[in-house]
PDB file of N, CA and C in Angstrom:
ATOM      1  N   MET A   1       0.776  -1.192  -0.008  1.00  0.00           N
ATOM      2  CA  MET A   1      -0.015  -0.013  -0.021  1.00  0.00           C
ATOM      3  C   MET A   1       0.937   1.162   0.129  1.00  0.00           C
ATOM      4  N   LYS A   2       2.051   1.126   0.708  1.00  0.00           N
ATOM      5  CA  LYS A   2       2.806   2.307   0.755  1.00  0.00           C
ATOM      6  C   LYS A   2       3.255   2.634  -0.642  1.00  0.00           C
ATOM      7  N   LEU A   3       3.696   1.702  -1.433  1.00  0.00           N
ATOM      8  CA  LEU A   3       4.151   1.857  -2.864  1.00  0.00           C
ATOM      9  C   LEU A   3       3.217   2.625  -3.567  1.00  0.00           C
ATOM     10  N   ALA A   4       1.914   2.146  -3.627  1.00  0.00           N
ATOM     11  CA  ALA A   4       0.936   2.672  -4.308  1.00  0.00           C
ATOM     12  C   ALA A   4       0.546   4.119  -3.969  1.00  0.00           C
ATOM     13  N   ALA A   5       0.435   4.320  -2.766  1.00  0.00           N
ATOM     14  CA  ALA A   5       0.440   5.692  -2.148  1.00  0.00           C
ATOM     15  C   ALA A   5       1.401   6.682  -2.659  1.00  0.00           C
ATOM     16  N   GLY A   6       2.693   6.111  -2.504  1.00  0.00           N
ATOM     17  CA  GLY A   6       3.998   6.926  -3.045  1.00  0.00           C
ATOM     18  C   GLY A   6       3.972   7.246  -4.353  1.00  0.00           C
ATOM     19  N   PHE A   7       3.212   6.267  -5.312  1.00  0.00           N
ATOM     20  CA  PHE A   7       3.017   6.573  -6.650  1.00  0.00           C
ATOM     21  C   PHE A   7       2.005   7.808  -7.070  1.00  0.00           C
ATOM     22  N   ARG A   8       0.995   7.476  -6.204  1.00  0.00           N
ATOM     23  CA  ARG A   8       0.011   8.569  -6.506  1.00  0.00           C
ATOM     24  C   ARG A   8       0.248   9.936  -6.099  1.00  0.00           C
ATOM     25  N   GLU A   9       1.061   9.950  -4.890  1.00  0.00           N
ATOM     26  CA  GLU A   9       1.641  11.149  -4.497  1.00  0.00           C
ATOM     27  C   GLU A   9       2.514  11.965  -5.496  1.00  0.00           C
ATOM     28  N   SER A  10       3.437  11.035  -5.874  1.00  0.00           N
ATOM     29  CA  SER A  10       4.465  11.714  -6.980  1.00  0.00           C
ATOM     30  C   SER A  10       3.769  12.010  -8.194  1.00  0.00           C
ATOM     31  N   LYS A  11       2.734  11.415  -8.913  1.00  0.00           N
ATOM     32  CA  LYS A  11       2.043  11.883  -9.943  1.00  0.00           C
ATOM     33  C   LYS A  11       1.303  13.170  -9.725  1.00  0.00           C
ATOM     34  N   ILE A  12       0.703  13.245  -8.510  1.00  0.00           N
ATOM     35  CA  ILE A  12       0.282  14.413  -8.303  1.00  0.00           C
ATOM     36  C   ILE A  12       1.032  15.688  -8.265  1.00  0.00           C
ATOM     37  N   ILE A  13       2.194  15.447  -7.572  1.00  0.00           N
ATOM     38  CA  ILE A  13       3.206  16.572  -7.664  1.00  0.00           C
ATOM     39  C   ILE A  13       3.928  16.757  -9.054  1.00  0.00           C
ATOM     40  N   LEU A  14       4.051  15.849  -9.962  1.00  0.00           N
ATOM     41  CA  LEU A  14       4.552  15.957 -11.061  1.00  0.00           C
ATOM     42  C   LEU A  14       3.345  16.716 -12.128  1.00  0.00           C
ATOM     43  N   ALA A  15       2.224  16.176 -11.741  1.00  0.00           N
ATOM     44  CA  ALA A  15       1.117  16.926 -12.511  1.00  0.00           C
ATOM     45  C   ALA A  15       1.066  18.539 -12.322  1.00  0.00           C
ATOM     46  N   ALA A  16       1.040  18.744 -11.141  1.00  0.00           N
ATOM     47  CA  ALA A  16       1.079  20.356 -10.606  1.00  0.00           C
ATOM     48  C   ALA A  16       2.429  20.893 -11.251  1.00  0.00           C
ATOM     49  N   ASN A  17       3.449  20.236 -11.137  1.00  0.00           N
ATOM     50  CA  ASN A  17       4.643  20.821 -11.827  1.00  0.00           C
ATOM     51  C   ASN A  17       4.518  21.101 -13.234  1.00  0.00           C
ATOM     52  N   GLU A  18       3.986  20.236 -13.973  1.00  0.00           N
ATOM     53  CA  GLU A  18       3.881  19.973 -15.303  1.00  0.00           C
ATOM     54  C   GLU A  18       2.748  21.308 -15.825  1.00  0.00           C
ATOM     55  N   LEU A  19       1.867  21.594 -14.975  1.00  0.00           N
ATOM     56  CA  LEU A  19       0.888  22.624 -15.146  1.00  0.00           C
ATOM     57  C   LEU A  19       1.546  23.914 -14.772  1.00  0.00           C
ATOM     58  N   ASN A  20       2.696  24.067 -14.060  1.00  0.00           N
ATOM     59  CA  ASN A  20       3.164  25.234 -13.596  1.00  0.00           C
ATOM     60  C   ASN A  20       2.375  25.937 -12.521  1.00  0.00           C
ATOM     61  N   LEU A  21       1.666  24.894 -11.748  1.00  0.00           N
ATOM     62  CA  LEU A  21       0.617  25.389 -10.720  1.00  0.00           C
ATOM     63  C   LEU A  21       1.839  26.119  -9.527  1.00  0.00           C
ATOM     64  N   PHE A  22       2.789  25.702  -9.181  1.00  0.00           N
ATOM     65  CA  PHE A  22       3.495  26.341  -8.039  1.00  0.00           C
ATOM     66  C   PHE A  22       4.033  27.704  -8.272  1.00  0.00           C
ATOM     67  N   THR A  23       4.283  27.811  -9.717  1.00  0.00           N
ATOM     68  CA  THR A  23       4.853  29.074 -10.054  1.00  0.00           C
ATOM     69  C   THR A  23       3.465  30.137 -10.217  1.00  0.00           C
ATOM     70  N   ALA A  24       2.468  29.765 -10.635  1.00  0.00           N
ATOM     71  CA  ALA A  24       1.146  30.471 -10.695  1.00  0.00           C
ATOM     72  C   ALA A  24       0.825  30.980  -9.110  1.00  0.00           C
ATOM     73  N   LEU A  25       0.990  29.865  -8.341  1.00  0.00           N
ATOM     74  CA  LEU A  25       0.754  30.405  -7.040  1.00  0.00           C
ATOM     75  C   LEU A  25       1.728  31.280  -6.351  1.00  0.00           C
ATOM     76  N   SER A  26       2.891  31.250  -6.874  1.00  0.00           N
ATOM     77  CA  SER A  26       3.965  32.251  -6.197  1.00  0.00           C
ATOM     78  C   SER A  26       3.511  33.683  -6.401  1.00  0.00           C
ATOM     79  N   GLU A  27       2.915  34.023  -7.403  1.00  0.00           N
ATOM     80  CA  GLU A  27       2.581  35.635  -7.650  1.00  0.00           C
ATOM     81  C   GLU A  27       1.562  36.123  -6.530  1.00  0.00           C
ATOM     82  N   LYS A  28       0.579  35.236  -6.209  1.00  0.00           N
ATOM     83  CA  LYS A  28      -0.379  35.438  -5.160  1.00  0.00           C
ATOM     84  C   LYS A  28      -1.303  34.381  -4.746  1.00  0.00           C
ATOM     85  N   GLN A  29      -1.727  34.417  -3.650  1.00  0.00           N
ATOM     86  CA  GLN A  29      -2.902  33.441  -3.247  1.00  0.00           C
ATOM     87  C   GLN A  29      -4.038  33.492  -4.327  1.00  0.00           C
ATOM     88  N   LEU A  30      -4.518  32.242  -4.618  1.00  0.00           N
ATOM     89  CA  LEU A  30      -5.427  32.223  -5.569  1.00  0.00           C
ATOM     90  C   LEU A  30      -6.750  31.082  -5.273  1.00  0.00           C
ATOM     91  N   LEU A  31      -7.977  31.559  -5.531  1.00  0.00           N
ATOM     92  CA  LEU A  31      -8.930  30.495  -5.546  1.00  0.00           C
ATOM     93  C   LEU A  31      -8.579  29.232  -6.736  1.00  0.00           C
ATOM     94  N   PRO A  32      -9.183  28.028  -6.511  1.00  0.00           N
ATOM     95  CA  PRO A  32      -9.097  27.163  -7.616  1.00  0.00           C
ATOM     96  C   PRO A  32      -9.461  27.642  -8.826  1.00  0.00           C
ATOM     97  N   SER A  33     -10.477  28.469  -8.903  1.00  0.00           N
ATOM     98  CA  SER A  33     -11.092  28.844 -10.279  1.00  0.00           C
ATOM     99  C   SER A  33     -10.045  29.722 -10.819  1.00  0.00           C
ATOM    100  N   GLU A  34      -9.396  30.550 -10.180  1.00  0.00           N
ATOM    101  CA  GLU A  34      -8.412  31.517 -10.613  1.00  0.00           C
ATOM    102  C   GLU A  34      -7.177  30.919 -11.015  1.00  0.00           C
ATOM    103  N   ALA A  35      -6.634  29.674 -10.227  1.00  0.00           N
ATOM    104  CA  ALA A  35      -5.582  29.136 -10.667  1.00  0.00           C
ATOM    105  C   ALA A  35      -5.952  28.268 -11.933  1.00  0.00           C
ATOM    106  N   ALA A  36      -6.912  27.681 -12.017  1.00  0.00           N
ATOM    107  CA  ALA A  36      -7.384  26.899 -13.120  1.00  0.00           C
ATOM    108  C   ALA A  36      -7.371  27.722 -14.445  1.00  0.00           C
ATOM    109  N   GLU A  37      -7.658  29.104 -14.219  1.00  0.00           N
ATOM    110  CA  GLU A  37      -7.684  29.943 -15.345  1.00  0.00           C
ATOM    111  C   GLU A  37      -6.244  30.313 -15.938  1.00  0.00           C
ATOM    112  N   LYS A  38      -5.350  30.432 -14.893  1.00  0.00           N
ATOM    113  CA  LYS A  38      -3.977  30.705 -15.193  1.00  0.00           C
ATOM    114  C   LYS A  38      -3.289  29.587 -15.818  1.00  0.00           C
ATOM    115  N   VAL A  39      -3.547  28.486 -15.425  1.00  0.00           N
ATOM    116  CA  VAL A  39      -2.837  27.272 -15.991  1.00  0.00           C
ATOM    117  C   VAL A  39      -3.758  26.413 -17.198  1.00  0.00           C
ATOM    118  N   GLN A  40      -4.938  27.034 -17.316  1.00  0.00           N
ATOM    119  CA  GLN A  40      -5.636  26.621 -18.345  1.00  0.00           C
ATOM    120  C   GLN A  40      -6.306  25.058 -18.343  1.00  0.00           C
ATOM    121  N   VAL A  41      -6.912  24.633 -17.081  1.00  0.00           N
ATOM    122  CA  VAL A  41      -7.418  23.372 -16.787  1.00  0.00           C
ATOM    123  C   VAL A  41      -8.776  23.611 -16.132  1.00  0.00           C
ATOM    124  N   ASP A  42      -9.590  22.601 -16.107  1.00  0.00           N
ATOM    125  CA  ASP A  42     -10.721  22.481 -15.324  1.00  0.00           C
ATOM    126  C   ASP A  42     -10.555  22.821 -14.023  1.00  0.00           C
ATOM    127  N   ALA A  43     -11.530  23.598 -13.464  1.00  0.00           N
ATOM    128  CA  ALA A  43     -11.496  24.268 -12.061  1.00  0.00           C
ATOM    129  C   ALA A  43     -11.523  23.160 -11.186  1.00  0.00           C
ATOM    130  N   ARG A  44     -12.629  22.351 -11.377  1.00  0.00           N
ATOM    131  CA  ARG A  44     -12.961  21.356 -10.303  1.00  0.00           C
ATOM    132  C   ARG A  44     -11.759  20.401 -10.181  1.00  0.00           C
ATOM    133  N   ALA A  45     -11.357  19.850 -11.266  1.00  0.00           N
ATOM    134  CA  ALA A  45     -10.013  18.813 -11.226  1.00  0.00           C
ATOM    135  C   ALA A  45      -9.092  19.697 -10.473  1.00  0.00           C
ATOM    136  N   LEU A  46      -8.778  20.682 -10.879  1.00  0.00           N
ATOM    137  CA  LEU A  46      -7.537  21.349 -10.304  1.00  0.00           C
ATOM    138  C   LEU A  46      -7.674  21.591  -8.615  1.00  0.00           C
ATOM    139  N   ALA A  47      -9.086  21.848  -8.232  1.00  0.00           N
ATOM    140  CA  ALA A  47      -9.204  21.960  -6.810  1.00  0.00           C
ATOM    141  C   ALA A  47      -9.071  20.656  -6.162  1.00  0.00           C
ATOM    142  N   ILE A  48      -9.316  19.517  -6.887  1.00  0.00           N
ATOM    143  CA  ILE A  48      -8.949  17.997  -6.203  1.00  0.00           C
ATOM    144  C   ILE A  48      -7.362  18.120  -6.117  1.00  0.00           C
ATOM    145  N   ILE A  49      -6.716  18.477  -7.027  1.00  0.00           N
ATOM    146  CA  ILE A  49      -5.147  18.522  -6.890  1.00  0.00           C
ATOM    147  C   ILE A  49      -4.705  19.318  -5.916  1.00  0.00           C
ATOM    148  N   MET A  50      -5.302  20.606  -5.813  1.00  0.00           N
ATOM    149  CA  MET A  50      -4.865  21.448  -4.932  1.00  0.00           C
ATOM    150  C   MET A  50      -5.000  20.969  -3.633  1.00  0.00           C
ATOM    151  N   ASP A  51      -6.290  20.336  -3.243  1.00  0.00           N
ATOM    152  CA  ASP A  51      -6.587  19.865  -1.922  1.00  0.00           C
ATOM    153  C   ASP A  51      -5.721  18.656  -1.566  1.00  0.00           C
ATOM    154  N   ALA A  52      -5.243  17.750  -2.450  1.00  0.00           N
ATOM    155  CA  ALA A  52      -4.289  16.722  -2.203  1.00  0.00           C
ATOM    156  C   ALA A  52      -2.894  17.322  -1.919  1.00  0.00           C
ATOM    157  N   LEU A  53      -2.536  18.471  -2.646  1.00  0.00           N
ATOM    158  CA  LEU A  53      -1.115  18.858  -2.392  1.00  0.00           C
ATOM    159  C   LEU A  53      -1.298  19.776  -0.916  1.00  0.00           C
ATOM    160  N   THR A  54      -2.415  20.065  -0.648  1.00  0.00           N
ATOM    161  CA  THR A  54      -2.402  20.750   0.783  1.00  0.00           C
ATOM    162  C   THR A  54      -2.209  19.595   1.901  1.00  0.00           C
ATOM    163  N   ALA A  55      -2.911  18.562   1.773  1.00  0.00           N
ATOM    164  CA  ALA A  55      -2.730  17.428   2.531  1.00  0.00           C
ATOM    165  C   ALA A  55      -1.437  16.760   2.633  1.00  0.00           C
ATOM    166  N   MET A  56      -0.758  17.015   1.471  1.00  0.00           N
ATOM    167  CA  MET A  56       0.686  16.490   1.328  1.00  0.00           C
ATOM    168  C   MET A  56       1.780  17.446   1.741  1.00  0.00           C
ATOM    169  N   GLY A  57       1.249  18.687   2.133  1.00  0.00           N
ATOM    170  CA  GLY A  57       2.136  19.646   3.034  1.00  0.00           C
ATOM    171  C   GLY A  57       2.926  20.559   1.722  1.00  0.00           C
ATOM    172  N   PHE A  58       2.331  20.730   0.434  1.00  0.00           N
ATOM    173  CA  PHE A  58       2.996  21.429  -0.426  1.00  0.00           C
ATOM    174  C   PHE A  58       2.294  22.762  -0.633  1.00  0.00           C
ATOM    175  N   LEU A  59       0.846  22.934  -0.277  1.00  0.00           N
ATOM    176  CA  LEU A  59       0.229  24.157  -0.390  1.00  0.00           C
ATOM    177  C   LEU A  59      -0.411  24.442   0.957  1.00  0.00           C
ATOM    178  N   ILE A  60      -0.772  25.660   1.236  1.00  0.00           N
ATOM    179  CA  ILE A  60      -1.615  25.983   2.422  1.00  0.00           C
ATOM    180  C   ILE A  60      -2.859  26.637   2.011  1.00  0.00           C
ATOM    181  N   LYS A  61      -3.900  26.175   2.539  1.00  0.00           N
ATOM    182  CA  LYS A  61      -5.222  26.748   2.095  1.00  0.00           C
ATOM    183  C   LYS A  61      -5.769  27.487   3.328  1.00  0.00           C
ATOM    184  N   GLU A  62      -6.269  28.838   3.249  1.00  0.00           N
ATOM    185  CA  GLU A  62      -6.798  29.763   4.075  1.00  0.00           C
ATOM    186  C   GLU A  62      -8.002  30.426   3.449  1.00  0.00           C
ATOM    187  N   ASN A  63      -9.156  30.111   3.895  1.00  0.00           N
ATOM    188  CA  ASN A  63     -10.465  30.947   3.393  1.00  0.00           C
ATOM    189  C   ASN A  63     -10.545  30.714   2.098  1.00  0.00           C
ATOM    190  N   ASP A  64     -10.500  29.348   1.456  1.00  0.00           N
ATOM    191  CA  ASP A  64     -10.468  28.984   0.036  1.00  0.00           C
ATOM    192  C   ASP A  64      -9.424  29.515  -0.929  1.00  0.00           C
ATOM    193  N   LEU A  65      -8.504  30.329  -0.320  1.00  0.00           N
ATOM    194  CA  LEU A  65      -7.293  30.626  -1.260  1.00  0.00           C
ATOM    195  C   LEU A  65      -5.967  29.906  -0.790  1.00  0.00           C
ATOM    196  N   TYR A  66      -5.460  29.382  -1.849  1.00  0.00           N
ATOM    197  CA  TYR A  66      -4.215  28.387  -1.639  1.00  0.00           C
ATOM    198  C   TYR A  66      -2.997  29.330  -2.035  1.00  0.00           C
ATOM    199  N   ARG A  67      -1.878  28.962  -1.205  1.00  0.00           N
ATOM    200  CA  ARG A  67      -0.564  29.410  -1.590  1.00  0.00           C
ATOM    201  C   ARG A  67       0.450  28.265  -1.338  1.00  0.00           C
ATOM    202  N   ASN A  68       1.596  28.597  -1.851  1.00  0.00           N
ATOM    203  CA  ASN A  68       2.777  27.516  -1.662  1.00  0.00           C
ATOM    204  C   ASN A  68       3.207  27.610  -0.143  1.00  0.00           C
ATOM    205  N   THR A  69       3.724  26.645   0.209  1.00  0.00           N
ATOM    206  CA  THR A  69       4.349  26.543   1.437  1.00  0.00           C
ATOM    207  C   THR A  69       5.671  26.977   1.057  1.00  0.00           C
ATOM    208  N   GLU A  70       6.683  27.216   2.035  1.00  0.00           N
ATOM    209  CA  GLU A  70       7.798  27.805   2.072  1.00  0.00           C
ATOM    210  C   GLU A  70       8.777  26.900   1.176  1.00  0.00           C
ATOM    211  N   ALA A  71       8.694  25.437   1.302  1.00  0.00           N
ATOM    212  CA  ALA A  71       9.552  24.554   0.604  1.00  0.00           C
ATOM    213  C   ALA A  71       9.105  24.785  -0.763  1.00  0.00           C
ATOM    214  N   ALA A  72       7.913  24.689  -1.206  1.00  0.00           N
ATOM    215  CA  ALA A  72       7.194  24.468  -2.555  1.00  0.00           C
ATOM    216  C   ALA A  72       7.650  25.938  -2.965  1.00  0.00           C
ATOM    217  N   GLU A  73       7.779  26.983  -2.439  1.00  0.00           N
ATOM    218  CA  GLU A  73       8.167  28.449  -3.099  1.00  0.00           C
ATOM    219  C   GLU A  73       9.592  28.146  -3.500  1.00  0.00           C
ATOM    220  N   LYS A  74      10.249  27.742  -2.555  1.00  0.00           N
ATOM    221  CA  LYS A  74      11.726  27.756  -2.836  1.00  0.00           C
ATOM    222  C   LYS A  74      12.244  26.688  -4.007  1.00  0.00           C
ATOM    223  N   PHE A  75      11.717  25.484  -3.915  1.00  0.00           N
ATOM    224  CA  PHE A  75      12.003  24.610  -4.765  1.00  0.00           C
ATOM    225  C   PHE A  75      11.251  24.173  -6.157  1.00  0.00           C
ATOM    226  N   LEU A  76       9.829  24.778  -6.288  1.00  0.00           N
ATOM    227  CA  LEU A  76       9.345  24.128  -7.290  1.00  0.00           C
ATOM    228  C   LEU A  76       8.542  25.424  -7.957  1.00  0.00           C
ATOM    229  N   VAL A  77       9.227  26.555  -7.820  1.00  0.00           N
ATOM    230  CA  VAL A  77       8.742  27.682  -8.569  1.00  0.00           C
ATOM    231  C   VAL A  77       9.932  27.934  -9.800  1.00  0.00           C
ATOM    232  N   LYS A  78       9.304  28.024 -10.947  1.00  0.00           N
ATOM    233  CA  LYS A  78      10.273  28.193 -11.973  1.00  0.00           C
ATOM    234  C   LYS A  78      11.081  29.443 -11.832  1.00  0.00           C
ATOM    235  N   GLY A  79      12.292  29.682 -12.073  1.00  0.00           N
ATOM    236  CA  GLY A  79      12.895  31.149 -12.168  1.00  0.00           C
ATOM    237  C   GLY A  79      13.577  31.319 -10.771  1.00  0.00           C
ATOM    238  N   LYS A  80      13.156  30.535  -9.851  1.00  0.00           N
ATOM    239  CA  LYS A  80      13.885  30.839  -8.536  1.00  0.00           C
ATOM    240  C   LYS A  80      15.008  30.036  -8.278  1.00  0.00           C
ATOM    241  N   PRO A  81      16.147  30.424  -7.464  1.00  0.00           N
ATOM    242  CA  PRO A  81      17.472  29.896  -7.421  1.00  0.00           C
ATOM    243  C   PRO A  81      17.394  28.555  -7.130  1.00  0.00           C
ATOM    244  N   GLY A  82      16.512  28.155  -6.163  1.00  0.00           N
ATOM    245  CA  GLY A  82      16.545  26.617  -5.649  1.00  0.00           C
ATOM    246  C   GLY A  82      15.628  25.643  -6.592  1.00  0.00           C
ATOM    247  N   TYR A  83      15.172  26.344  -7.553  1.00  0.00           N
ATOM    248  CA  TYR A  83      14.069  25.469  -8.552  1.00  0.00           C
ATOM    249  C   TYR A  83      14.564  24.034  -8.727  1.00  0.00           C
ATOM    250  N   ASN A  84      13.912  23.012  -8.501  1.00  0.00           N
ATOM    251  CA  ASN A  84      14.397  21.507  -8.625  1.00  0.00           C
ATOM    252  C   ASN A  84      13.304  20.905  -9.581  1.00  0.00           C
ATOM    253  N   GLY A  85      12.378  21.661 -10.101  1.00  0.00           N
ATOM    254  CA  GLY A  85      11.091  20.962 -10.961  1.00  0.00           C
ATOM    255  C   GLY A  85      11.628  20.378 -12.120  1.00  0.00           C
TER     256      GLY A  85
END
């Protein structure tokens, strides 16, 4: 089960990275609908991914607005010195 869970988590992170979600959230806190517009995907599907990333510790959700955690901001935002995406 741990192997399957690890695979799912890695796919969620990779999908978010391919969509440039972390970079989009670097600019400001966003609602899922706003983030979906920026990365050009379905808002409901992106909300599910964003909730998963929150549970995994990559995003912070406050009053329906999402933002990157410090680690996500440092390592998963394109153009940042520590970018490892």
